[in-house]
Each structure stands twice: as C-alpha cells, then as structure tokens.
Amino acid sequence: MIDVPDDLMANLSEHKGAAGRAFAGALPRLAGRFLEEWGLRPDGAVMCGMCALVVPVVREADGRGAALKLQMVDEETVGEPVALRVWGEAGAGVVGLLEHDAATGTMLLERLDERRSLTDVADAREAVRVLAESLARLVLVPAPPGMRRLEDAAARMLEETPGAVAGLTDEGERRLLLDCAAAVREVAGEPGDRLLHWDLHYANVLAGRAEEDRAGEWVALDPKPLAGDPGFELFPALDQRFEASEVLWRFDLLSGVLGLDRERARAWTLGRVLQNALWGIRRGKPRLYPDHAEIARRLLGRD
C-alpha cells in the first residue's frame, strides 16, 4: 500500500473539496493499479506537490528508474501530457513522458534527481539565468490545439476585477490592483499563441540523473500549460526566492533572454499579480500578498 502524505490530503481537501478528499482516499488503490499494469515497483519514499502524488519506481522490464505521477484531471492538468509530448518532440528540455492514462490522468515520467533543483543553487542570480534559458526553450514552441487560452483567462480577470477590488481593505492596494487590470487591458487583444508552462519556478526545474542519460542537464517539469504570451511566464521567477531589490534585475534578464518586448512583458506580469490577488479575494483574503504587491509596485515604478 502507498501512504498518502498528510500535506497532500490537506491540500486536496482545501483546494478541491469533497472531490479532492475522495481522490485522496482512492490514491493507494489507484497507485497499486498502475504499479501492476505498467510493471513497476516502488523505489523510495513517495513525494507530493500541491495536488499530485509522485511515487519513485523502477520498471521491471528494463530496470530503469521512473516516476509514477497521480493527480486529478482538471482544466490545469488535462493539457500536461499533451504539452510534454509536444515539448519533448521539439527538444525543449522537459521531463520525458513514458506512459499516460487519459481516464485517470496518471502518468509515468522519466526519473530525475529529486534531490537537486534550482532551489538548491546557492547563487540566486545563476538560478534565474538557468530558469530563463529553460523558459526560452519552452516558449519557442507554438501551442497545439485544445490548450486553455490566456485570452479567456484575461477576459475573466478583467470582468471580475471591479467587483473584487472592494474585497481589499487597503486603499493603496485597491489602486494597485486596478492599475494591474489597466495594464492587462492594454495587451488583452493580443494574447499570444506560444505553449506556456505557467508554473516554472525553481523547484520545478530538476537535475537529470546520470543513469537516465541526462547528467548535467536541468529539466523542466510539472507544467500547467496554456496558450498565450510568454510575458505571462515571468512571475514565478520573481516571486520565488523573493528579493525586493532583485525584482527589476530578474525581470530585465528574463525578458531579455526570452527576447520579449519589455512593456508587454511588464503588463502580463502584472496580470499574474492580478490573477493571484483575485484568487485570494475569492477565499476571503483582504490584503494582497506582500511580495506580490512589492513586485507590482516595482514594475510600475513605485518602489
């Protein structure tokens, strides 16, 4: 039997409600099913993200390492296997997809070195450079049909903003959020057509394993893909390992490496601040996340 971590059960309950609790309860049985069907044996402690269980495994057929990933199928995760295949065919530096069951969303992925991510790189600026190079490879690829679209997300955000702003208790933050929405409105008519990762932060770039023939490589994983403008990709690199004094340096490096128009990239990055703020307001949070507010102020020249 596979043990489901308490943190994962709590996250699924908080973010997915009754459906999440039911999925968490079914995870041991689901894992057992695919261990048998795909000829796998567990090989180490289970891991989890916010809403996914990952079981390190070895394939019985050839003795090679792999990772069994189990997660609910929703609008964010349904495109993951498609994106991994498209990026893989383009040589864009993503984790390899070995098996996929569409009905359950279960995937068998290439095994990476879970002990080494960009979070562990001591030099934060070097970590940003590596992340920028990874993003640059990903956004070269056009989005295939069927991906969720940034234009739809932008339209929903702009429609929701006027009513949501009243949920903030700080007048300065209300003005800041309205300015973020105004920036998004300027670029919403040209939402872009690149295949975006959406969640490429430092913990989502792992080192390749020597025994899996990717020694020395940094490999992207765990996308929540959508079709859109690459400027929408920069926010996680600014927010994770946050340093207020580094925001503009990181933003300039990222937009430069990706070859982006700085003003468009700024607008779409403010869009990510808006997106996160709206999520918080829906959950009754009356203030912006401090780091997010600081990122917005610095991009708007108010530091």
C-alpha atoms as a PDB file:
ATOM      1  CA  MET A   1       0.000   0.000   0.000  1.00  0.00           C
ATOM      2  CA  ILE A   2       1.130   3.535  -0.786  1.00  0.00           C
ATOM      3  CA  ASP A   3       0.822   6.021   2.076  1.00  0.00           C
ATOM      4  CA  VAL A   4      -0.680   9.382   1.126  1.00  0.00           C
ATOM      5  CA  PRO A   5       1.158  12.295   2.840  1.00  0.00           C
ATOM      6  CA  ASP A   6      -0.942  14.338   5.242  1.00  0.00           C
ATOM      7  CA  ASP A   7       0.036  17.564   3.466  1.00  0.00           C
ATOM      8  CA  LEU A   8      -1.339  16.258   0.176  1.00  0.00           C
ATOM      9  CA  MET A   9      -4.599  15.154   1.791  1.00  0.00           C
ATOM     10  CA  ALA A  10      -4.981  18.605   3.371  1.00  0.00           C
ATOM     11  CA  ASN A  11      -4.236  20.405   0.100  1.00  0.00           C
ATOM     12  CA  LEU A  12      -6.677  18.285  -1.876  1.00  0.00           C
ATOM     13  CA  SER A  13      -9.360  18.903   0.718  1.00  0.00           C
ATOM     14  CA  GLU A  14      -8.727  22.663   0.785  1.00  0.00           C
ATOM     15  CA  HIS A  15      -8.484  23.217  -2.954  1.00  0.00           C
ATOM     16  CA  LYS A  16     -10.765  20.506  -4.352  1.00  0.00           C
ATOM     17  CA  GLY A  17     -13.304  19.983  -1.585  1.00  0.00           C
ATOM     18  CA  ALA A  18     -15.260  16.722  -1.487  1.00  0.00           C
ATOM     19  CA  ALA A  19     -13.878  15.623  -4.845  1.00  0.00           C
ATOM     20  CA  GLY A  20     -10.342  16.140  -3.557  1.00  0.00           C
ATOM     21  CA  ARG A  21     -10.999  14.132  -0.414  1.00  0.00           C
ATOM     22  CA  ALA A  22     -12.452  11.306  -2.492  1.00  0.00           C
ATOM     23  CA  PHE A  23      -9.432  11.364  -4.799  1.00  0.00           C
ATOM     24  CA  ALA A  24      -7.040  11.283  -1.846  1.00  0.00           C
ATOM     25  CA  GLY A  25      -8.865   8.275  -0.444  1.00  0.00           C
ATOM     26  CA  ALA A  26      -8.604   6.469  -3.779  1.00  0.00           C
ATOM     27  CA  LEU A  27      -4.891   7.149  -4.296  1.00  0.00           C
ATOM     28  CA  PRO A  28      -3.498   3.947  -2.708  1.00  0.00           C
ATOM     29  CA  ARG A  29      -5.750   1.777  -4.866  1.00  0.00           C
ATOM     30  CA  LEU A  30      -5.004   3.845  -7.981  1.00  0.00           C
ATOM     31  CA  ALA A  31      -1.265   3.654  -7.388  1.00  0.00           C
ATOM     32  CA  GLY A  32      -1.492  -0.096  -6.873  1.00  0.00           C
ATOM     33  CA  ARG A  33      -3.381  -0.494 -10.126  1.00  0.00           C
ATOM     34  CA  PHE A  34      -0.733   1.237 -12.221  1.00  0.00           C
ATOM     35  CA  LEU A  35       2.194  -0.343 -10.406  1.00  0.00           C
ATOM     36  CA  GLU A  36       0.762  -3.650 -11.579  1.00  0.00           C
ATOM     37  CA  GLU A  37      -0.435  -2.620 -15.061  1.00  0.00           C
ATOM     38  CA  TRP A  38       2.790  -0.868 -16.021  1.00  0.00           C
ATOM     39  CA  GLY A  39       5.126  -3.356 -14.376  1.00  0.00           C
ATOM     40  CA  LEU A  40       6.595  -1.090 -11.717  1.00  0.00           C
ATOM     41  CA  ARG A  41       7.950  -1.492  -8.211  1.00  0.00           C
ATOM     42  CA  PRO A  42       8.291   1.343  -5.681  1.00  0.00           C
ATOM     43  CA  ASP A  43      11.818   2.655  -5.222  1.00  0.00           C
ATOM     44  CA  GLY A  44      11.941   5.196  -2.417  1.00  0.00           C
ATOM     45  CA  ALA A  45       9.736   7.477  -0.373  1.00  0.00           C
ATOM     46  CA  VAL A  46       6.668   8.979  -2.024  1.00  0.00           C
ATOM     47  CA  MET A  47       6.680  12.705  -2.767  1.00  0.00           C
ATOM     48  CA  CYS A  48       3.917  15.226  -3.326  1.00  0.00           C
ATOM     49  CA  GLY A  49       3.282  18.668  -4.697  1.00  0.00           C
ATOM     50  CA  MET A  50       0.214  20.765  -4.009  1.00  0.00           C
ATOM     51  CA  CYS A  51      -2.206  18.282  -5.552  1.00  0.00           C
ATOM     52  CA  ALA A  52      -0.199  15.378  -7.020  1.00  0.00           C
ATOM     53  CA  LEU A  53       1.348  12.217  -5.602  1.00  0.00           C
ATOM     54  CA  VAL A  54       4.659  11.053  -7.080  1.00  0.00           C
ATOM     55  CA  VAL A  55       5.953   7.533  -6.460  1.00  0.00           C
ATOM     56  CA  PRO A  56       9.600   6.816  -7.402  1.00  0.00           C
ATOM     57  CA  VAL A  57       9.613   3.468  -9.212  1.00  0.00           C
ATOM     58  CA  VAL A  58      11.727   1.049 -11.197  1.00  0.00           C
ATOM     59  CA  ARG A  59      10.408  -0.552 -14.373  1.00  0.00           C
ATOM     60  CA  GLU A  60      10.551  -4.327 -14.084  1.00  0.00           C
ATOM     61  CA  ALA A  61      11.080  -4.738 -17.833  1.00  0.00           C
ATOM     62  CA  ASP A  62      14.405  -2.912 -18.054  1.00  0.00           C
ATOM     63  CA  GLY A  63      15.372  -1.866 -14.507  1.00  0.00           C
ATOM     64  CA  ARG A  64      15.305   1.839 -15.345  1.00  0.00           C
ATOM     65  CA  GLY A  65      14.059   4.452 -12.911  1.00  0.00           C
ATOM     66  CA  ALA A  66      10.827   6.342 -13.475  1.00  0.00           C
ATOM     67  CA  ALA A  67       8.264   8.374 -11.529  1.00  0.00           C
ATOM     68  CA  LEU A  68       4.578   7.496 -11.255  1.00  0.00           C
ATOM     69  CA  LYS A  69       2.527  10.697 -11.018  1.00  0.00           C
ATOM     70  CA  LEU A  70      -1.115  10.639  -9.921  1.00  0.00           C
ATOM     71  CA  GLN A  71      -3.273  13.753  -9.972  1.00  0.00           C
ATOM     72  CA  MET A  72      -6.846  14.846 -10.559  1.00  0.00           C
ATOM     73  CA  VAL A  73      -7.790  15.785 -14.096  1.00  0.00           C
ATOM     74  CA  ASP A  74      -8.939  19.405 -14.247  1.00  0.00           C
ATOM     75  CA  GLU A  75      -8.528  22.402 -16.539  1.00  0.00           C
ATOM     76  CA  GLU A  76      -4.958  22.955 -15.348  1.00  0.00           C
ATOM     77  CA  THR A  77      -3.713  19.366 -15.575  1.00  0.00           C
ATOM     78  CA  VAL A  78      -5.576  17.981 -18.578  1.00  0.00           C
ATOM     79  CA  GLY A  79      -3.109  19.533 -21.028  1.00  0.00           C
ATOM     80  CA  GLU A  80       0.051  18.352 -19.232  1.00  0.00           C
ATOM     81  CA  PRO A  81       0.679  15.118 -21.185  1.00  0.00           C
ATOM     82  CA  VAL A  82      -0.015  16.841 -24.498  1.00  0.00           C
ATOM     83  CA  ALA A  83       2.394  19.657 -23.656  1.00  0.00           C
ATOM     84  CA  LEU A  84       5.111  17.252 -22.512  1.00  0.00           C
ATOM     85  CA  ARG A  85       4.862  15.329 -25.780  1.00  0.00           C
ATOM     86  CA  VAL A  86       4.978  18.490 -27.904  1.00  0.00           C
ATOM     87  CA  TRP A  87       7.909  19.941 -25.990  1.00  0.00           C
ATOM     88  CA  GLY A  88       9.658  16.574 -25.986  1.00  0.00           C
ATOM     89  CA  GLU A  89       9.424  16.304 -29.753  1.00  0.00           C
ATOM     90  CA  ALA A  90      10.875  19.811 -30.022  1.00  0.00           C
ATOM     91  CA  GLY A  91      13.785  19.009 -27.698  1.00  0.00           C
ATOM     92  CA  ALA A  92      12.705  21.788 -25.333  1.00  0.00           C
ATOM     93  CA  GLY A  93      14.227  20.301 -22.164  1.00  0.00           C
ATOM     94  CA  VAL A  94      11.233  18.793 -20.360  1.00  0.00           C
ATOM     95  CA  VAL A  95      10.769  15.598 -18.411  1.00  0.00           C
ATOM     96  CA  GLY A  96      10.044  12.611 -20.642  1.00  0.00           C
ATOM     97  CA  LEU A  97       6.531  11.150 -20.728  1.00  0.00           C
ATOM     98  CA  LEU A  98       6.720   7.349 -20.803  1.00  0.00           C
ATOM     99  CA  GLU A  99       3.079   6.334 -20.246  1.00  0.00           C
ATOM    100  CA  HIS A 100      -0.247   8.119 -19.842  1.00  0.00           C
ATOM    101  CA  ASP A 101      -3.745   7.033 -18.878  1.00  0.00           C
ATOM    102  CA  ALA A 102      -6.181   9.683 -20.077  1.00  0.00           C
ATOM    103  CA  ALA A 103      -9.129   8.492 -17.987  1.00  0.00           C
ATOM    104  CA  THR A 104      -7.351   8.971 -14.644  1.00  0.00           C
ATOM    105  CA  GLY A 105      -4.629  11.471 -15.602  1.00  0.00           C
ATOM    106  CA  THR A 106      -1.954   9.069 -14.343  1.00  0.00           C
ATOM    107  CA  MET A 107       1.470   9.481 -15.941  1.00  0.00           C
ATOM    108  CA  LEU A 108       4.726   7.590 -15.888  1.00  0.00           C
ATOM    109  CA  LEU A 109       7.555  10.078 -16.197  1.00  0.00           C
ATOM    110  CA  GLU A 110      11.291   9.986 -16.647  1.00  0.00           C
ATOM    111  CA  ARG A 111      13.087   9.822 -13.299  1.00  0.00           C
ATOM    112  CA  LEU A 112      15.011  12.967 -12.412  1.00  0.00           C
ATOM    113  CA  ASP A 113      17.198  13.764  -9.427  1.00  0.00           C
ATOM    114  CA  GLU A 114      14.634  14.929  -6.870  1.00  0.00           C
ATOM    115  CA  ARG A 115      17.489  15.921  -4.537  1.00  0.00           C
ATOM    116  CA  ARG A 116      18.705  18.685  -6.883  1.00  0.00           C
ATOM    117  CA  SER A 117      16.509  21.553  -8.033  1.00  0.00           C
ATOM    118  CA  LEU A 118      17.245  25.170  -8.872  1.00  0.00           C
ATOM    119  CA  THR A 119      16.085  25.975  -5.342  1.00  0.00           C
ATOM    120  CA  ASP A 120      19.337  24.383  -4.167  1.00  0.00           C
ATOM    121  CA  VAL A 121      21.592  26.552  -6.353  1.00  0.00           C
ATOM    122  CA  ALA A 122      23.207  28.905  -3.849  1.00  0.00           C
ATOM    123  CA  ASP A 123      23.719  31.740  -6.343  1.00  0.00           C
ATOM    124  CA  ALA A 124      20.214  33.095  -6.880  1.00  0.00           C
ATOM    125  CA  ARG A 125      21.231  35.008  -9.997  1.00  0.00           C
ATOM    126  CA  GLU A 126      22.622  31.837 -11.547  1.00  0.00           C
ATOM    127  CA  ALA A 127      19.342  30.083 -10.767  1.00  0.00           C
ATOM    128  CA  VAL A 128      17.444  32.880 -12.527  1.00  0.00           C
ATOM    129  CA  ARG A 129      19.694  32.559 -15.582  1.00  0.00           C
ATOM    130  CA  VAL A 130      19.084  28.816 -15.813  1.00  0.00           C
ATOM    131  CA  LEU A 131      15.346  29.315 -15.407  1.00  0.00           C
ATOM    132  CA  ALA A 132      15.349  31.984 -18.117  1.00  0.00           C
ATOM    133  CA  GLU A 133      17.146  29.655 -20.525  1.00  0.00           C
ATOM    134  CA  SER A 134      14.633  26.910 -19.786  1.00  0.00           C
ATOM    135  CA  LEU A 135      11.712  29.259 -20.421  1.00  0.00           C
ATOM    136  CA  ALA A 136      13.282  30.463 -23.651  1.00  0.00           C
ATOM    137  CA  ARG A 137      13.309  26.893 -24.993  1.00  0.00           C
ATOM    138  CA  LEU A 138       9.724  26.246 -23.949  1.00  0.00           C
ATOM    139  CA  VAL A 139       8.150  29.371 -25.437  1.00  0.00           C
ATOM    140  CA  LEU A 140       9.699  28.779 -28.853  1.00  0.00           C
ATOM    141  CA  VAL A 141       7.057  26.087 -29.321  1.00  0.00           C
ATOM    142  CA  PRO A 142       3.609  27.086 -30.631  1.00  0.00           C
ATOM    143  CA  ALA A 143       0.676  25.839 -28.583  1.00  0.00           C
ATOM    144  CA  PRO A 144      -1.149  22.842 -30.048  1.00  0.00           C
ATOM    145  CA  PRO A 145      -4.941  22.949 -30.471  1.00  0.00           C
ATOM    146  CA  GLY A 146      -7.036  22.375 -27.389  1.00  0.00           C
ATOM    147  CA  MET A 147      -4.906  24.185 -24.798  1.00  0.00           C
ATOM    148  CA  ARG A 148      -6.649  26.533 -22.387  1.00  0.00           C
ATOM    149  CA  ARG A 149      -6.095  30.088 -23.575  1.00  0.00           C
ATOM    150  CA  LEU A 150      -4.650  33.174 -21.937  1.00  0.00           C
ATOM    151  CA  GLU A 151      -7.201  35.338 -23.716  1.00  0.00           C
ATOM    152  CA  ASP A 152     -10.003  33.566 -21.842  1.00  0.00           C
ATOM    153  CA  ALA A 153      -8.214  33.923 -18.508  1.00  0.00           C
ATOM    154  CA  ALA A 154      -7.596  37.630 -19.164  1.00  0.00           C
ATOM    155  CA  ALA A 155     -11.231  38.239 -20.034  1.00  0.00           C
ATOM    156  CA  ARG A 156     -12.378  36.547 -16.819  1.00  0.00           C
ATOM    157  CA  MET A 157      -9.908  38.552 -14.731  1.00  0.00           C
ATOM    158  CA  LEU A 158     -10.975  41.868 -16.220  1.00  0.00           C
ATOM    159  CA  GLU A 159     -14.641  41.040 -15.732  1.00  0.00           C
ATOM    160  CA  GLU A 160     -14.083  40.038 -12.103  1.00  0.00           C
ATOM    161  CA  THR A 161     -11.829  42.918 -11.059  1.00  0.00           C
ATOM    162  CA  PRO A 162     -14.348  45.742 -10.470  1.00  0.00           C
ATOM    163  CA  GLY A 163     -16.396  43.737  -8.001  1.00  0.00           C
ATOM    164  CA  ALA A 164     -13.419  42.064  -6.374  1.00  0.00           C
ATOM    165  CA  VAL A 165     -11.470  45.226  -5.584  1.00  0.00           C
ATOM    166  CA  ALA A 166     -13.980  46.102  -2.876  1.00  0.00           C
ATOM    167  CA  GLY A 167     -12.788  42.999  -1.009  1.00  0.00           C
ATOM    168  CA  LEU A 168      -9.431  44.655  -0.273  1.00  0.00           C
ATOM    169  CA  THR A 169      -9.231  46.680   2.897  1.00  0.00           C
ATOM    170  CA  ASP A 170      -6.251  48.855   1.912  1.00  0.00           C
ATOM    171  CA  GLU A 171      -6.959  51.779  -0.419  1.00  0.00           C
ATOM    172  CA  GLY A 172      -3.435  51.748  -1.859  1.00  0.00           C
ATOM    173  CA  GLU A 173      -3.764  48.081  -2.721  1.00  0.00           C
ATOM    174  CA  ARG A 174      -7.125  48.705  -4.381  1.00  0.00           C
ATOM    175  CA  ARG A 175      -5.483  51.316  -6.621  1.00  0.00           C
ATOM    176  CA  LEU A 176      -2.567  48.946  -7.298  1.00  0.00           C
ATOM    177  CA  LEU A 177      -4.898  46.158  -8.386  1.00  0.00           C
ATOM    178  CA  LEU A 178      -6.837  48.493 -10.666  1.00  0.00           C
ATOM    179  CA  ASP A 179      -3.540  49.549 -12.257  1.00  0.00           C
ATOM    180  CA  CYS A 180      -2.668  45.885 -12.829  1.00  0.00           C
ATOM    181  CA  ALA A 181      -6.020  45.406 -14.545  1.00  0.00           C
ATOM    182  CA  ALA A 182      -5.455  48.509 -16.686  1.00  0.00           C
ATOM    183  CA  ALA A 183      -2.113  47.089 -17.829  1.00  0.00           C
ATOM    184  CA  VAL A 184      -3.727  43.776 -18.777  1.00  0.00           C
ATOM    185  CA  ARG A 185      -6.469  45.596 -20.676  1.00  0.00           C
ATOM    186  CA  GLU A 186      -3.799  47.225 -22.859  1.00  0.00           C
ATOM    187  CA  VAL A 187      -2.454  43.859 -24.082  1.00  0.00           C
ATOM    188  CA  ALA A 188      -5.504  41.595 -23.818  1.00  0.00           C
ATOM    189  CA  GLY A 189      -6.281  41.984 -27.515  1.00  0.00           C
ATOM    190  CA  GLU A 190      -3.008  40.238 -28.432  1.00  0.00           C
ATOM    191  CA  PRO A 191      -2.826  37.277 -26.033  1.00  0.00           C
ATOM    192  CA  GLY A 192      -0.198  35.285 -27.951  1.00  0.00           C
ATOM    193  CA  ASP A 193      -0.003  31.708 -29.197  1.00  0.00           C
ATOM    194  CA  ARG A 194       3.054  30.137 -27.522  1.00  0.00           C
ATOM    195  CA  LEU A 195       2.895  26.998 -25.385  1.00  0.00           C
ATOM    196  CA  LEU A 196       3.335  28.276 -21.835  1.00  0.00           C
ATOM    197  CA  HIS A 197       4.317  26.328 -18.719  1.00  0.00           C
ATOM    198  CA  TRP A 198       2.641  28.820 -16.323  1.00  0.00           C
ATOM    199  CA  ASP A 199       4.325  27.458 -13.173  1.00  0.00           C
ATOM    200  CA  LEU A 200       8.058  27.307 -13.924  1.00  0.00           C
ATOM    201  CA  HIS A 201       9.564  28.162 -10.551  1.00  0.00           C
ATOM    202  CA  TYR A 202      12.883  26.969  -9.171  1.00  0.00           C
ATOM    203  CA  ALA A 203      11.558  23.756  -7.603  1.00  0.00           C
ATOM    204  CA  ASN A 204      10.078  22.741 -10.966  1.00  0.00           C
ATOM    205  CA  VAL A 205      13.496  22.506 -12.625  1.00  0.00           C
ATOM    206  CA  LEU A 206      15.366  19.376 -11.549  1.00  0.00           C
ATOM    207  CA  ALA A 207      18.736  17.944 -12.468  1.00  0.00           C
ATOM    208  CA  GLY A 208      18.832  14.988 -14.815  1.00  0.00           C
ATOM    209  CA  ARG A 209      20.098  11.662 -13.480  1.00  0.00           C
ATOM    210  CA  ALA A 210      23.320  10.242 -14.885  1.00  0.00           C
ATOM    211  CA  GLU A 211      21.807   6.779 -15.094  1.00  0.00           C
ATOM    212  CA  GLU A 212      18.958   8.166 -17.196  1.00  0.00           C
ATOM    213  CA  ASP A 213      21.413   9.745 -19.674  1.00  0.00           C
ATOM    214  CA  ARG A 214      20.745  13.390 -18.747  1.00  0.00           C
ATOM    215  CA  ALA A 215      23.675  14.106 -16.466  1.00  0.00           C
ATOM    216  CA  GLY A 216      24.398  17.821 -16.244  1.00  0.00           C
ATOM    217  CA  GLU A 217      21.039  18.876 -17.708  1.00  0.00           C
ATOM    218  CA  TRP A 218      18.420  20.989 -15.984  1.00  0.00           C
ATOM    219  CA  VAL A 219      14.963  19.640 -16.843  1.00  0.00           C
ATOM    220  CA  ALA A 220      11.557  21.353 -16.538  1.00  0.00           C
ATOM    221  CA  LEU A 221       8.541  19.506 -15.170  1.00  0.00           C
ATOM    222  CA  ASP A 222       5.014  19.909 -13.782  1.00  0.00           C
ATOM    223  CA  PRO A 223       3.513  22.363 -16.305  1.00  0.00           C
ATOM    224  CA  LYS A 224       0.002  23.781 -16.074  1.00  0.00           C
ATOM    225  CA  PRO A 225       0.019  24.584 -19.790  1.00  0.00           C
ATOM    226  CA  LEU A 226      -1.872  27.200 -21.721  1.00  0.00           C
ATOM    227  CA  ALA A 227      -1.581  29.098 -24.995  1.00  0.00           C
ATOM    228  CA  GLY A 228      -0.504  32.695 -24.707  1.00  0.00           C
ATOM    229  CA  ASP A 229       2.116  35.435 -24.493  1.00  0.00           C
ATOM    230  CA  PRO A 230       5.489  34.457 -22.967  1.00  0.00           C
ATOM    231  CA  GLY A 231       5.342  37.541 -20.747  1.00  0.00           C
ATOM    232  CA  PHE A 232       2.837  35.628 -18.626  1.00  0.00           C
ATOM    233  CA  GLU A 233       5.640  33.211 -17.673  1.00  0.00           C
ATOM    234  CA  LEU A 234       7.956  35.536 -15.750  1.00  0.00           C
ATOM    235  CA  PHE A 235       6.158  35.982 -12.428  1.00  0.00           C
ATOM    236  CA  PRO A 236       7.215  32.748 -10.635  1.00  0.00           C
ATOM    237  CA  ALA A 237      10.888  33.617 -11.128  1.00  0.00           C
ATOM    238  CA  LEU A 238      10.284  36.990  -9.457  1.00  0.00           C
ATOM    239  CA  ASP A 239       8.164  35.685  -6.606  1.00  0.00           C
ATOM    240  CA  GLN A 240      10.066  32.541  -5.597  1.00  0.00           C
ATOM    241  CA  ARG A 241      13.331  33.148  -3.712  1.00  0.00           C
ATOM    242  CA  PHE A 242      11.956  36.669  -3.384  1.00  0.00           C
ATOM    243  CA  GLU A 243      14.296  39.626  -3.016  1.00  0.00           C
ATOM    244  CA  ALA A 244      12.725  43.043  -3.495  1.00  0.00           C
ATOM    245  CA  SER A 245      15.997  44.586  -4.686  1.00  0.00           C
ATOM    246  CA  GLU A 246      16.333  41.881  -7.357  1.00  0.00           C
ATOM    247  CA  VAL A 247      12.887  42.230  -8.953  1.00  0.00           C
ATOM    248  CA  LEU A 248      13.863  44.578 -11.780  1.00  0.00           C
ATOM    249  CA  TRP A 249      17.191  42.821 -12.406  1.00  0.00           C
ATOM    250  CA  ARG A 250      15.409  39.477 -12.732  1.00  0.00           C
ATOM    251  CA  PHE A 251      12.648  40.955 -14.875  1.00  0.00           C
ATOM    252  CA  ASP A 252      15.157  42.545 -17.263  1.00  0.00           C
ATOM    253  CA  LEU A 253      17.202  39.344 -17.510  1.00  0.00           C
ATOM    254  CA  LEU A 254      14.149  37.160 -18.151  1.00  0.00           C
ATOM    255  CA  SER A 255      12.601  39.452 -20.741  1.00  0.00           C
ATOM    256  CA  GLY A 256      15.986  39.849 -22.429  1.00  0.00           C
ATOM    257  CA  VAL A 257      16.784  36.123 -22.621  1.00  0.00           C
ATOM    258  CA  LEU A 258      13.286  35.402 -23.929  1.00  0.00           C
ATOM    259  CA  GLY A 259      13.513  38.281 -26.427  1.00  0.00           C
ATOM    260  CA  LEU A 260      10.328  39.936 -25.155  1.00  0.00           C
ATOM    261  CA  ASP A 261       9.014  43.452 -25.574  1.00  0.00           C
ATOM    262  CA  ARG A 262       9.581  44.862 -22.096  1.00  0.00           C
ATOM    263  CA  GLU A 263       6.301  46.771 -21.820  1.00  0.00           C
ATOM    264  CA  ARG A 264       4.192  43.822 -22.939  1.00  0.00           C
ATOM    265  CA  ALA A 265       6.066  41.537 -20.555  1.00  0.00           C
ATOM    266  CA  ARG A 266       5.510  44.023 -17.753  1.00  0.00           C
ATOM    267  CA  ALA A 267       1.768  44.119 -18.464  1.00  0.00           C
ATOM    268  CA  TRP A 268       1.405  40.342 -18.483  1.00  0.00           C
ATOM    269  CA  THR A 269       3.477  40.023 -15.304  1.00  0.00           C
ATOM    270  CA  LEU A 270       1.133  42.490 -13.624  1.00  0.00           C
ATOM    271  CA  GLY A 271      -1.590  40.183 -14.918  1.00  0.00           C
ATOM    272  CA  ARG A 272      -0.160  37.395 -12.774  1.00  0.00           C
ATOM    273  CA  VAL A 273      -0.301  39.686  -9.732  1.00  0.00           C
ATOM    274  CA  LEU A 274      -3.933  40.350 -10.611  1.00  0.00           C
ATOM    275  CA  GLN A 275      -4.682  36.658 -11.062  1.00  0.00           C
ATOM    276  CA  ASN A 276      -3.225  35.741  -7.679  1.00  0.00           C
ATOM    277  CA  ALA A 277      -4.989  38.637  -5.957  1.00  0.00           C
ATOM    278  CA  LEU A 278      -8.355  37.563  -7.347  1.00  0.00           C
ATOM    279  CA  TRP A 279      -7.798  34.028  -6.077  1.00  0.00           C
ATOM    280  CA  GLY A 280      -7.039  35.409  -2.632  1.00  0.00           C
ATOM    281  CA  ILE A 281     -10.060  37.711  -2.590  1.00  0.00           C
ATOM    282  CA  ARG A 282     -12.344  34.808  -3.555  1.00  0.00           C
ATOM    283  CA  ARG A 283     -11.060  32.991  -0.475  1.00  0.00           C
ATOM    284  CA  GLY A 284     -11.721  35.965   1.781  1.00  0.00           C
ATOM    285  CA  LYS A 285      -8.158  37.324   1.901  1.00  0.00           C
ATOM    286  CA  PRO A 286      -8.478  41.123   2.411  1.00  0.00           C
ATOM    287  CA  ARG A 287      -4.866  42.074   1.558  1.00  0.00           C
ATOM    288  CA  LEU A 288      -2.506  41.371  -1.333  1.00  0.00           C
ATOM    289  CA  TYR A 289       0.364  39.000  -0.718  1.00  0.00           C
ATOM    290  CA  PRO A 290       3.165  41.386   0.375  1.00  0.00           C
ATOM    291  CA  ASP A 291       5.715  40.054  -2.126  1.00  0.00           C
ATOM    292  CA  HIS A 292       3.189  40.304  -4.967  1.00  0.00           C
ATOM    293  CA  ALA A 293       2.326  43.880  -4.081  1.00  0.00           C
ATOM    294  CA  GLU A 294       6.024  44.754  -3.999  1.00  0.00           C
ATOM    295  CA  ILE A 295       6.596  43.182  -7.427  1.00  0.00           C
ATOM    296  CA  ALA A 296       3.730  45.235  -8.842  1.00  0.00           C
ATOM    297  CA  ARG A 297       4.973  48.459  -7.276  1.00  0.00           C
ATOM    298  CA  ARG A 298       8.482  47.976  -8.622  1.00  0.00           C
ATOM    299  CA  LEU A 299       7.276  47.121 -12.126  1.00  0.00           C
ATOM    300  CA  LEU A 300       5.071  50.233 -12.006  1.00  0.00           C
ATOM    301  CA  GLY A 301       7.992  52.359 -10.816  1.00  0.00           C
ATOM    302  CA  ARG A 302       6.666  52.973  -7.310  1.00  0.00           C
ATOM    303  CA  ASP A 303       9.451  51.429  -5.208  1.00  0.00           C
END
